Amino acid sequence: MKPMTKSERDQLLRALEARFKKRPHRHAGVAWSDVLSRLEATPAALKTLAAMEASGGEPDVIGVDGASGQILFCDCAAESPAGRRSLRFDDEALNARKENKPQGSAAGMARAMGIELLSEAQYRALQQLGEFDLKTSSWIATPDELRALGGALFCDRRYDRVFVYHNGAQSYYAARGFRGLLRV
């Protein structure tokens, strides 16, 4: 990623602050001044947040990690981020397909952006903060033993419930993307 200009940095910080203030229930007990201090001390995090924003993720603070004290940002767009859809689960699945290959993989894009795929528990916790993926679905981190068998997990919310499904890791759909988590 190219370096951010001061204007880009300021615009991103304004967007993050506005989102933070608009939905305080997502981060009860967290002060924007603390978030801003962390971000100013971690320029790489701003680049990652810019990538999350640019791909439609609408990142927001969802809490603080109790063990490390890190501030947690997550993609909070209503639907799976539009700029991160039609992806295979991981690079192994991407490379296995010879025809009709998609642009990339969820795991590869997450790694390049500097975020981690949500776990099932993190996805379920996110759903406690709002209703997400009512029309789309999101790949989630998959246990190694399931991935070794060729599968991968994804989630969505239907009928006011969170569902966890499996699919072949080589599959990809226009309505399936991924959500990421950033620790700052």
N, C-alpha and C. Protein backbone atom coordinates (compact mmCIF):
# COMPACT_ATOMS: atom_id res chain seq x y z
N MET A 1 0.83 -1.18 0.00
CA MET A 1 0.00 0.00 0.00
C MET A 1 0.88 1.25 0.00
N LYS A 2 0.45 2.23 -0.75
CA LYS A 2 1.20 3.49 -0.78
C LYS A 2 0.96 4.27 0.51
N PRO A 3 1.88 5.14 0.88
CA PRO A 3 1.70 5.94 2.10
C PRO A 3 0.46 6.83 1.99
N MET A 4 -0.21 7.03 3.12
CA MET A 4 -1.39 7.89 3.16
C MET A 4 -0.96 9.35 3.22
N THR A 5 -1.68 10.18 2.50
CA THR A 5 -1.45 11.62 2.61
C THR A 5 -2.11 12.11 3.90
N LYS A 6 -1.75 13.30 4.33
CA LYS A 6 -2.36 13.88 5.52
C LYS A 6 -3.87 14.03 5.32
N SER A 7 -4.26 14.44 4.14
CA SER A 7 -5.68 14.60 3.82
C SER A 7 -6.42 13.27 3.92
N GLU A 8 -5.84 12.19 3.36
CA GLU A 8 -6.46 10.86 3.42
C GLU A 8 -6.56 10.39 4.87
N ARG A 9 -5.50 10.60 5.62
CA ARG A 9 -5.47 10.21 7.03
C ARG A 9 -6.55 10.93 7.81
N ASP A 10 -6.64 12.24 7.63
CA ASP A 10 -7.63 13.05 8.34
C ASP A 10 -9.05 12.66 7.96
N GLN A 11 -9.27 12.39 6.68
CA GLN A 11 -10.59 11.98 6.21
C GLN A 11 -10.98 10.64 6.83
N LEU A 12 -10.06 9.70 6.87
CA LEU A 12 -10.32 8.40 7.48
C LEU A 12 -10.64 8.55 8.97
N LEU A 13 -9.83 9.32 9.68
CA LEU A 13 -10.07 9.51 11.11
C LEU A 13 -11.42 10.16 11.37
N ARG A 14 -11.83 11.11 10.53
CA ARG A 14 -13.16 11.73 10.69
C ARG A 14 -14.26 10.69 10.49
N ALA A 15 -14.10 9.84 9.47
CA ALA A 15 -15.11 8.81 9.20
C ALA A 15 -15.19 7.81 10.37
N LEU A 16 -14.02 7.40 10.87
CA LEU A 16 -14.00 6.45 12.00
C LEU A 16 -14.62 7.06 13.25
N GLU A 17 -14.30 8.33 13.51
CA GLU A 17 -14.85 9.00 14.69
C GLU A 17 -16.37 9.15 14.57
N ALA A 18 -16.85 9.53 13.40
CA ALA A 18 -18.30 9.69 13.19
C ALA A 18 -19.02 8.36 13.40
N ARG A 19 -18.47 7.29 12.88
CA ARG A 19 -19.07 5.96 13.04
C ARG A 19 -19.03 5.54 14.51
N PHE A 20 -17.91 5.81 15.16
CA PHE A 20 -17.74 5.49 16.58
C PHE A 20 -18.81 6.19 17.42
N LYS A 21 -19.03 7.47 17.14
CA LYS A 21 -20.00 8.25 17.93
C LYS A 21 -21.44 7.90 17.59
N LYS A 22 -21.68 7.45 16.36
CA LYS A 22 -23.04 7.13 15.93
C LYS A 22 -23.57 5.84 16.58
N ARG A 23 -22.67 4.92 16.90
CA ARG A 23 -23.11 3.61 17.43
C ARG A 23 -22.35 3.26 18.72
N PRO A 24 -22.60 4.00 19.79
CA PRO A 24 -21.85 3.77 21.04
C PRO A 24 -22.11 2.41 21.67
N HIS A 25 -23.23 1.77 21.34
CA HIS A 25 -23.52 0.44 21.92
C HIS A 25 -22.50 -0.62 21.47
N ARG A 26 -21.77 -0.37 20.40
CA ARG A 26 -20.78 -1.33 19.92
C ARG A 26 -19.52 -1.35 20.79
N HIS A 27 -19.30 -0.29 21.57
CA HIS A 27 -18.03 -0.17 22.29
C HIS A 27 -18.22 0.55 23.62
N ALA A 28 -19.18 0.09 24.40
CA ALA A 28 -19.45 0.73 25.69
C ALA A 28 -18.18 0.78 26.54
N GLY A 29 -17.95 1.91 27.15
CA GLY A 29 -16.79 2.06 28.03
C GLY A 29 -15.49 2.42 27.33
N VAL A 30 -15.51 2.55 26.01
CA VAL A 30 -14.30 2.90 25.26
C VAL A 30 -14.42 4.37 24.85
N ALA A 31 -13.39 5.15 25.12
CA ALA A 31 -13.38 6.57 24.77
C ALA A 31 -12.67 6.78 23.43
N TRP A 32 -13.22 7.68 22.60
CA TRP A 32 -12.60 7.97 21.31
C TRP A 32 -11.16 8.45 21.49
N SER A 33 -10.89 9.21 22.55
CA SER A 33 -9.53 9.72 22.77
C SER A 33 -8.53 8.57 22.92
N ASP A 34 -8.95 7.48 23.56
CA ASP A 34 -8.08 6.31 23.70
C ASP A 34 -7.85 5.64 22.35
N VAL A 35 -8.91 5.55 21.56
CA VAL A 35 -8.81 4.95 20.22
C VAL A 35 -7.85 5.79 19.37
N LEU A 36 -8.06 7.09 19.39
CA LEU A 36 -7.23 7.99 18.59
C LEU A 36 -5.76 7.89 19.00
N SER A 37 -5.49 7.83 20.29
CA SER A 37 -4.10 7.69 20.77
C SER A 37 -3.46 6.43 20.22
N ARG A 38 -4.20 5.33 20.26
CA ARG A 38 -3.67 4.06 19.73
C ARG A 38 -3.40 4.16 18.23
N LEU A 39 -4.33 4.75 17.52
CA LEU A 39 -4.17 4.87 16.07
C LEU A 39 -3.00 5.76 15.69
N GLU A 40 -2.83 6.85 16.40
CA GLU A 40 -1.71 7.75 16.12
C GLU A 40 -0.37 7.09 16.43
N ALA A 41 -0.36 6.16 17.38
CA ALA A 41 0.88 5.46 17.74
C ALA A 41 1.14 4.26 16.82
N THR A 42 0.17 3.92 15.97
CA THR A 42 0.28 2.73 15.12
C THR A 42 -0.10 3.09 13.68
N PRO A 43 0.79 3.74 12.94
CA PRO A 43 0.47 4.15 11.56
C PRO A 43 0.05 2.98 10.66
N ALA A 44 0.59 1.80 10.88
CA ALA A 44 0.22 0.65 10.05
C ALA A 44 -1.26 0.31 10.22
N ALA A 45 -1.79 0.53 11.41
CA ALA A 45 -3.21 0.26 11.65
C ALA A 45 -4.09 1.17 10.81
N LEU A 46 -3.65 2.41 10.63
CA LEU A 46 -4.43 3.33 9.80
C LEU A 46 -4.48 2.86 8.35
N LYS A 47 -3.38 2.33 7.85
CA LYS A 47 -3.37 1.80 6.48
C LYS A 47 -4.33 0.61 6.37
N THR A 48 -4.31 -0.24 7.38
CA THR A 48 -5.22 -1.39 7.37
C THR A 48 -6.66 -0.93 7.42
N LEU A 49 -6.97 0.02 8.29
CA LEU A 49 -8.33 0.54 8.38
C LEU A 49 -8.76 1.21 7.08
N ALA A 50 -7.82 1.87 6.41
CA ALA A 50 -8.12 2.48 5.11
C ALA A 50 -8.48 1.40 4.10
N ALA A 51 -7.78 0.29 4.12
CA ALA A 51 -8.09 -0.83 3.20
C ALA A 51 -9.44 -1.44 3.54
N MET A 52 -9.73 -1.56 4.83
CA MET A 52 -11.04 -2.08 5.25
C MET A 52 -12.15 -1.15 4.76
N GLU A 53 -11.93 0.13 4.93
CA GLU A 53 -12.92 1.14 4.51
C GLU A 53 -13.09 1.13 3.00
N ALA A 54 -11.99 1.12 2.26
CA ALA A 54 -12.03 1.19 0.80
C ALA A 54 -12.74 -0.02 0.19
N SER A 55 -12.71 -1.16 0.86
CA SER A 55 -13.36 -2.36 0.34
C SER A 55 -14.78 -2.52 0.85
N GLY A 56 -15.30 -1.49 1.53
CA GLY A 56 -16.70 -1.51 1.96
C GLY A 56 -16.97 -2.08 3.33
N GLY A 57 -15.94 -2.23 4.15
CA GLY A 57 -16.12 -2.88 5.45
C GLY A 57 -16.74 -2.03 6.54
N GLU A 58 -16.65 -0.71 6.43
CA GLU A 58 -17.15 0.18 7.47
C GLU A 58 -16.65 -0.25 8.86
N PRO A 59 -15.32 -0.26 9.06
CA PRO A 59 -14.77 -0.73 10.34
C PRO A 59 -15.18 0.18 11.49
N ASP A 60 -15.42 -0.46 12.63
CA ASP A 60 -15.78 0.26 13.85
C ASP A 60 -15.17 -0.48 15.03
N VAL A 61 -15.02 0.22 16.13
CA VAL A 61 -14.53 -0.39 17.37
C VAL A 61 -15.65 -1.26 17.93
N ILE A 62 -15.31 -2.50 18.28
CA ILE A 62 -16.31 -3.39 18.88
C ILE A 62 -15.93 -3.79 20.29
N GLY A 63 -14.87 -3.21 20.84
CA GLY A 63 -14.50 -3.49 22.21
C GLY A 63 -13.00 -3.47 22.41
N VAL A 64 -12.63 -3.97 23.58
CA VAL A 64 -11.22 -4.05 23.97
C VAL A 64 -10.94 -5.48 24.39
N ASP A 65 -9.84 -6.04 23.91
CA ASP A 65 -9.44 -7.39 24.31
C ASP A 65 -9.06 -7.35 25.78
N GLY A 66 -9.73 -8.15 26.60
CA GLY A 66 -9.50 -8.14 28.04
C GLY A 66 -8.10 -8.57 28.43
N ALA A 67 -7.50 -9.47 27.68
CA ALA A 67 -6.17 -9.98 28.02
C ALA A 67 -5.06 -9.03 27.63
N SER A 68 -5.14 -8.48 26.41
CA SER A 68 -4.05 -7.65 25.89
C SER A 68 -4.29 -6.14 26.02
N GLY A 69 -5.54 -5.76 26.19
CA GLY A 69 -5.88 -4.35 26.22
C GLY A 69 -5.97 -3.72 24.83
N GLN A 70 -5.81 -4.52 23.80
CA GLN A 70 -5.88 -3.99 22.44
C GLN A 70 -7.31 -3.59 22.09
N ILE A 71 -7.42 -2.51 21.32
CA ILE A 71 -8.71 -2.07 20.82
C ILE A 71 -9.04 -2.92 19.60
N LEU A 72 -10.28 -3.40 19.52
CA LEU A 72 -10.70 -4.29 18.45
C LEU A 72 -11.57 -3.55 17.45
N PHE A 73 -11.15 -3.57 16.20
CA PHE A 73 -11.94 -3.03 15.10
C PHE A 73 -12.47 -4.21 14.30
N CYS A 74 -13.70 -4.09 13.81
CA CYS A 74 -14.28 -5.14 12.98
C CYS A 74 -15.08 -4.49 11.86
N ASP A 75 -15.22 -5.21 10.76
CA ASP A 75 -16.07 -4.75 9.67
C ASP A 75 -17.52 -4.79 10.14
N CYS A 76 -18.17 -3.64 10.12
CA CYS A 76 -19.54 -3.53 10.60
C CYS A 76 -20.52 -3.11 9.51
N ALA A 77 -20.16 -3.28 8.25
CA ALA A 77 -21.09 -3.02 7.15
C ALA A 77 -22.27 -3.98 7.31
N ALA A 78 -23.45 -3.53 6.93
CA ALA A 78 -24.64 -4.36 7.08
C ALA A 78 -24.49 -5.70 6.36
N GLU A 79 -23.90 -5.67 5.18
CA GLU A 79 -23.68 -6.89 4.41
C GLU A 79 -22.18 -7.13 4.27
N SER A 80 -21.82 -8.33 3.91
CA SER A 80 -20.40 -8.66 3.72
C SER A 80 -19.79 -7.63 2.78
N PRO A 81 -18.61 -7.09 3.11
CA PRO A 81 -18.04 -5.99 2.33
C PRO A 81 -18.02 -6.26 0.82
N ALA A 82 -18.59 -5.33 0.07
CA ALA A 82 -18.75 -5.51 -1.37
C ALA A 82 -17.43 -5.70 -2.11
N GLY A 83 -16.36 -5.08 -1.64
CA GLY A 83 -15.07 -5.20 -2.30
C GLY A 83 -14.32 -6.47 -1.93
N ARG A 84 -14.97 -7.35 -1.18
CA ARG A 84 -14.32 -8.60 -0.75
C ARG A 84 -15.22 -9.81 -0.98
N ARG A 85 -15.91 -9.82 -2.08
CA ARG A 85 -16.81 -10.94 -2.39
C ARG A 85 -16.28 -11.72 -3.58
N SER A 86 -16.94 -12.83 -3.85
CA SER A 86 -16.56 -13.72 -4.96
C SER A 86 -15.12 -14.20 -4.81
N LEU A 87 -14.79 -14.63 -3.61
CA LEU A 87 -13.44 -15.11 -3.30
C LEU A 87 -13.49 -16.55 -2.83
N ARG A 88 -12.48 -17.31 -3.18
CA ARG A 88 -12.30 -18.64 -2.60
C ARG A 88 -11.91 -18.47 -1.15
N PHE A 89 -11.96 -19.55 -0.38
CA PHE A 89 -11.62 -19.45 1.03
C PHE A 89 -10.16 -19.09 1.25
N ASP A 90 -9.24 -19.86 0.63
CA ASP A 90 -7.81 -19.61 0.85
C ASP A 90 -7.03 -19.80 -0.45
N ASP A 91 -5.73 -19.54 -0.39
CA ASP A 91 -4.89 -19.61 -1.59
C ASP A 91 -4.79 -21.04 -2.13
N GLU A 92 -4.80 -22.02 -1.25
CA GLU A 92 -4.76 -23.41 -1.71
C GLU A 92 -5.97 -23.71 -2.59
N ALA A 93 -7.14 -23.29 -2.15
CA ALA A 93 -8.37 -23.49 -2.94
C ALA A 93 -8.32 -22.68 -4.24
N LEU A 94 -7.79 -21.48 -4.16
CA LEU A 94 -7.67 -20.62 -5.34
C LEU A 94 -6.78 -21.28 -6.39
N ASN A 95 -5.63 -21.78 -5.97
CA ASN A 95 -4.67 -22.37 -6.90
C ASN A 95 -5.14 -23.71 -7.46
N ALA A 96 -6.04 -24.38 -6.77
CA ALA A 96 -6.53 -25.68 -7.23
C ALA A 96 -7.47 -25.55 -8.43
N ARG A 97 -8.08 -24.41 -8.56
CA ARG A 97 -9.04 -24.21 -9.66
C ARG A 97 -8.32 -23.74 -10.91
N LYS A 98 -8.56 -24.41 -12.00
CA LYS A 98 -7.89 -24.06 -13.25
C LYS A 98 -8.74 -23.16 -14.14
N GLU A 99 -10.08 -23.32 -14.12
CA GLU A 99 -10.97 -22.53 -14.97
C GLU A 99 -11.86 -21.64 -14.10
N ASN A 100 -12.31 -20.53 -14.67
CA ASN A 100 -13.21 -19.61 -13.98
C ASN A 100 -12.68 -19.23 -12.60
N LYS A 101 -11.42 -18.92 -12.57
CA LYS A 101 -10.75 -18.57 -11.32
C LYS A 101 -11.20 -17.20 -10.84
N PRO A 102 -11.55 -17.06 -9.56
CA PRO A 102 -11.90 -15.74 -9.03
C PRO A 102 -10.66 -14.87 -8.84
N GLN A 103 -10.86 -13.65 -8.42
CA GLN A 103 -9.77 -12.68 -8.26
C GLN A 103 -8.79 -13.06 -7.14
N GLY A 104 -9.26 -13.78 -6.14
CA GLY A 104 -8.37 -14.08 -5.02
C GLY A 104 -9.06 -14.94 -3.98
N SER A 105 -8.49 -14.92 -2.78
CA SER A 105 -9.05 -15.71 -1.68
C SER A 105 -9.28 -14.82 -0.47
N ALA A 106 -10.23 -15.23 0.35
CA ALA A 106 -10.53 -14.48 1.58
C ALA A 106 -9.32 -14.45 2.50
N ALA A 107 -8.71 -15.60 2.73
CA ALA A 107 -7.56 -15.67 3.64
C ALA A 107 -6.38 -14.85 3.09
N GLY A 108 -6.15 -14.93 1.80
CA GLY A 108 -5.06 -14.18 1.19
C GLY A 108 -5.29 -12.68 1.25
N MET A 109 -6.51 -12.25 0.97
CA MET A 109 -6.82 -10.82 1.02
C MET A 109 -6.75 -10.31 2.46
N ALA A 110 -7.25 -11.10 3.41
CA ALA A 110 -7.18 -10.69 4.82
C ALA A 110 -5.72 -10.52 5.24
N ARG A 111 -4.90 -11.46 4.88
CA ARG A 111 -3.47 -11.39 5.22
C ARG A 111 -2.82 -10.14 4.61
N ALA A 112 -3.13 -9.87 3.34
CA ALA A 112 -2.57 -8.70 2.67
C ALA A 112 -3.04 -7.40 3.31
N MET A 113 -4.25 -7.39 3.81
CA MET A 113 -4.80 -6.19 4.46
C MET A 113 -4.30 -6.03 5.89
N GLY A 114 -3.82 -7.12 6.50
CA GLY A 114 -3.37 -7.07 7.88
C GLY A 114 -4.46 -7.32 8.90
N ILE A 115 -5.50 -8.06 8.48
CA ILE A 115 -6.59 -8.40 9.39
C ILE A 115 -6.72 -9.91 9.48
N GLU A 116 -7.50 -10.36 10.44
CA GLU A 116 -7.74 -11.79 10.59
C GLU A 116 -9.20 -12.09 10.28
N LEU A 117 -9.47 -13.24 9.70
CA LEU A 117 -10.85 -13.68 9.51
C LEU A 117 -11.48 -13.88 10.87
N LEU A 118 -12.76 -13.56 10.98
CA LEU A 118 -13.45 -13.77 12.25
C LEU A 118 -13.58 -15.26 12.54
N SER A 119 -13.49 -15.61 13.79
CA SER A 119 -13.80 -16.97 14.22
C SER A 119 -15.32 -17.08 14.34
N GLU A 120 -15.81 -18.28 14.54
CA GLU A 120 -17.26 -18.44 14.74
C GLU A 120 -17.71 -17.66 15.97
N ALA A 121 -16.96 -17.74 17.05
CA ALA A 121 -17.32 -17.02 18.28
C ALA A 121 -17.32 -15.51 18.06
N GLN A 122 -16.33 -14.99 17.33
CA GLN A 122 -16.28 -13.56 17.05
C GLN A 122 -17.44 -13.13 16.16
N TYR A 123 -17.78 -13.97 15.19
CA TYR A 123 -18.92 -13.66 14.31
C TYR A 123 -20.21 -13.60 15.13
N ARG A 124 -20.40 -14.57 16.01
CA ARG A 124 -21.60 -14.58 16.85
C ARG A 124 -21.63 -13.36 17.78
N ALA A 125 -20.47 -12.98 18.32
CA ALA A 125 -20.40 -11.80 19.19
C ALA A 125 -20.74 -10.53 18.40
N LEU A 126 -20.26 -10.43 17.16
CA LEU A 126 -20.59 -9.29 16.32
C LEU A 126 -22.09 -9.18 16.13
N GLN A 127 -22.75 -10.31 15.95
CA GLN A 127 -24.20 -10.30 15.73
C GLN A 127 -24.97 -9.82 16.96
N GLN A 128 -24.33 -9.78 18.11
CA GLN A 128 -24.96 -9.22 19.31
C GLN A 128 -24.97 -7.70 19.26
N LEU A 129 -24.17 -7.12 18.39
CA LEU A 129 -24.05 -5.67 18.27
C LEU A 129 -24.94 -5.08 17.16
N GLY A 130 -25.56 -5.93 16.39
CA GLY A 130 -26.40 -5.50 15.28
C GLY A 130 -26.80 -6.70 14.45
N GLU A 131 -27.49 -6.43 13.35
CA GLU A 131 -27.88 -7.51 12.44
C GLU A 131 -27.05 -7.37 11.17
N PHE A 132 -26.23 -8.37 10.92
CA PHE A 132 -25.30 -8.35 9.80
C PHE A 132 -25.53 -9.56 8.90
N ASP A 133 -25.22 -9.41 7.63
CA ASP A 133 -25.33 -10.50 6.65
C ASP A 133 -26.75 -11.06 6.55
N LEU A 134 -27.73 -10.17 6.40
CA LEU A 134 -29.11 -10.61 6.20
C LEU A 134 -29.35 -11.06 4.76
N LYS A 135 -28.50 -10.60 3.83
CA LYS A 135 -28.64 -10.97 2.41
C LYS A 135 -27.37 -11.62 1.86
N THR A 136 -26.28 -11.53 2.59
CA THR A 136 -24.99 -12.07 2.15
C THR A 136 -24.50 -13.07 3.17
N SER A 137 -23.33 -13.61 2.94
CA SER A 137 -22.68 -14.50 3.92
C SER A 137 -21.20 -14.16 3.97
N SER A 138 -20.54 -14.62 5.01
CA SER A 138 -19.12 -14.30 5.21
C SER A 138 -18.33 -15.55 5.58
N TRP A 139 -17.21 -15.78 4.88
CA TRP A 139 -16.28 -16.84 5.27
C TRP A 139 -15.79 -16.54 6.68
N ILE A 140 -15.55 -17.58 7.47
CA ILE A 140 -14.96 -17.42 8.80
C ILE A 140 -13.76 -18.36 8.91
N ALA A 141 -12.94 -18.12 9.93
CA ALA A 141 -11.79 -18.99 10.17
C ALA A 141 -12.29 -20.42 10.33
N THR A 142 -11.57 -21.34 9.74
CA THR A 142 -11.99 -22.74 9.68
C THR A 142 -10.97 -23.61 10.37
N PRO A 143 -11.42 -24.54 11.22
CA PRO A 143 -10.47 -25.44 11.89
C PRO A 143 -9.64 -26.23 10.87
N ASP A 144 -8.38 -26.44 11.20
CA ASP A 144 -7.45 -27.12 10.28
C ASP A 144 -7.96 -28.50 9.86
N GLU A 145 -8.58 -29.24 10.78
CA GLU A 145 -9.03 -30.59 10.44
C GLU A 145 -10.15 -30.56 9.39
N LEU A 146 -11.00 -29.56 9.42
CA LEU A 146 -12.04 -29.42 8.40
C LEU A 146 -11.43 -28.96 7.08
N ARG A 147 -10.51 -28.03 7.16
CA ARG A 147 -9.87 -27.53 5.94
C ARG A 147 -9.07 -28.64 5.26
N ALA A 148 -8.45 -29.52 6.04
CA ALA A 148 -7.68 -30.64 5.48
C ALA A 148 -8.56 -31.58 4.66
N LEU A 149 -9.85 -31.57 4.94
CA LEU A 149 -10.80 -32.41 4.19
C LEU A 149 -11.38 -31.67 2.98
N GLY A 150 -10.93 -30.43 2.76
CA GLY A 150 -11.39 -29.67 1.60
C GLY A 150 -12.51 -28.69 1.87
N GLY A 151 -12.95 -28.61 3.13
CA GLY A 151 -14.07 -27.74 3.46
C GLY A 151 -13.66 -26.43 4.08
N ALA A 152 -14.63 -25.54 4.21
CA ALA A 152 -14.45 -24.24 4.87
C ALA A 152 -15.81 -23.81 5.42
N LEU A 153 -15.78 -22.93 6.41
CA LEU A 153 -17.01 -22.49 7.07
C LEU A 153 -17.37 -21.06 6.66
N PHE A 154 -18.66 -20.80 6.66
CA PHE A 154 -19.17 -19.45 6.46
C PHE A 154 -20.43 -19.27 7.30
N CYS A 155 -20.79 -18.02 7.53
CA CYS A 155 -21.94 -17.71 8.38
C CYS A 155 -22.82 -16.66 7.71
N ASP A 156 -24.05 -16.61 8.18
CA ASP A 156 -24.96 -15.52 7.85
C ASP A 156 -26.03 -15.44 8.93
N ARG A 157 -26.91 -14.48 8.78
CA ARG A 157 -28.02 -14.32 9.74
C ARG A 157 -29.32 -14.37 8.95
N ARG A 158 -30.16 -15.31 9.31
CA ARG A 158 -31.48 -15.46 8.70
C ARG A 158 -32.46 -15.79 9.81
N TYR A 159 -33.69 -15.35 9.65
CA TYR A 159 -34.75 -15.69 10.62
C TYR A 159 -34.35 -15.33 12.05
N ASP A 160 -33.61 -14.23 12.18
CA ASP A 160 -33.14 -13.74 13.47
C ASP A 160 -32.25 -14.74 14.21
N ARG A 161 -31.52 -15.56 13.43
CA ARG A 161 -30.56 -16.53 13.99
C ARG A 161 -29.28 -16.49 13.18
N VAL A 162 -28.18 -16.83 13.83
CA VAL A 162 -26.90 -16.96 13.14
C VAL A 162 -26.74 -18.42 12.74
N PHE A 163 -26.43 -18.64 11.48
CA PHE A 163 -26.21 -19.98 10.97
C PHE A 163 -24.76 -20.15 10.56
N VAL A 164 -24.20 -21.30 10.84
CA VAL A 164 -22.86 -21.67 10.40
C VAL A 164 -23.02 -22.82 9.41
N TYR A 165 -22.41 -22.67 8.25
CA TYR A 165 -22.51 -23.67 7.19
C TYR A 165 -21.11 -24.11 6.77
N HIS A 166 -21.09 -25.13 5.92
CA HIS A 166 -19.84 -25.57 5.31
C HIS A 166 -20.00 -25.55 3.80
N ASN A 167 -18.90 -25.45 3.14
CA ASN A 167 -18.86 -25.49 1.68
C ASN A 167 -17.47 -25.97 1.29
N GLY A 168 -17.31 -26.39 0.07
CA GLY A 168 -15.98 -26.67 -0.40
C GLY A 168 -15.18 -25.37 -0.42
N ALA A 169 -13.95 -25.41 0.00
CA ALA A 169 -13.12 -24.20 0.05
C ALA A 169 -12.91 -23.59 -1.33
N GLN A 170 -13.12 -24.39 -2.39
CA GLN A 170 -12.95 -23.88 -3.75
C GLN A 170 -14.16 -23.11 -4.25
N SER A 171 -15.27 -23.18 -3.51
CA SER A 171 -16.47 -22.48 -3.98
C SER A 171 -16.32 -20.98 -3.80
N TYR A 172 -17.08 -20.24 -4.58
CA TYR A 172 -17.14 -18.78 -4.41
C TYR A 172 -18.45 -18.30 -4.98
N TYR A 173 -19.00 -17.29 -4.33
CA TYR A 173 -20.31 -16.77 -4.71
C TYR A 173 -20.30 -15.24 -4.65
N ALA A 174 -21.10 -14.63 -5.49
CA ALA A 174 -21.17 -13.17 -5.54
C ALA A 174 -21.66 -12.56 -4.24
N ALA A 175 -22.39 -13.32 -3.46
CA ALA A 175 -22.94 -12.80 -2.20
C ALA A 175 -22.13 -13.26 -0.97
N ARG A 176 -20.98 -13.86 -1.19
CA ARG A 176 -20.16 -14.29 -0.06
C ARG A 176 -18.81 -13.59 -0.07
N GLY A 177 -18.51 -12.95 1.05
CA GLY A 177 -17.22 -12.29 1.23
C GLY A 177 -16.62 -12.69 2.55
N PHE A 178 -16.03 -11.74 3.24
CA PHE A 178 -15.51 -12.01 4.58
C PHE A 178 -15.44 -10.73 5.37
N ARG A 179 -15.48 -10.88 6.67
CA ARG A 179 -15.33 -9.78 7.63
C ARG A 179 -14.01 -10.00 8.34
N GLY A 180 -13.37 -8.90 8.71
CA GLY A 180 -12.08 -9.02 9.37
C GLY A 180 -12.04 -8.33 10.72
N LEU A 181 -11.02 -8.70 11.48
CA LEU A 181 -10.78 -8.14 12.80
C LEU A 181 -9.37 -7.57 12.81
N LEU A 182 -9.24 -6.37 13.36
CA LEU A 182 -7.94 -5.71 13.53
C LEU A 182 -7.76 -5.40 14.99
N ARG A 183 -6.59 -5.75 15.53
CA ARG A 183 -6.24 -5.46 16.92
C ARG A 183 -5.23 -4.32 16.93
N VAL A 184 -5.54 -3.25 17.66
CA VAL A 184 -4.65 -2.09 17.71
C VAL A 184 -4.24 -1.83 19.15
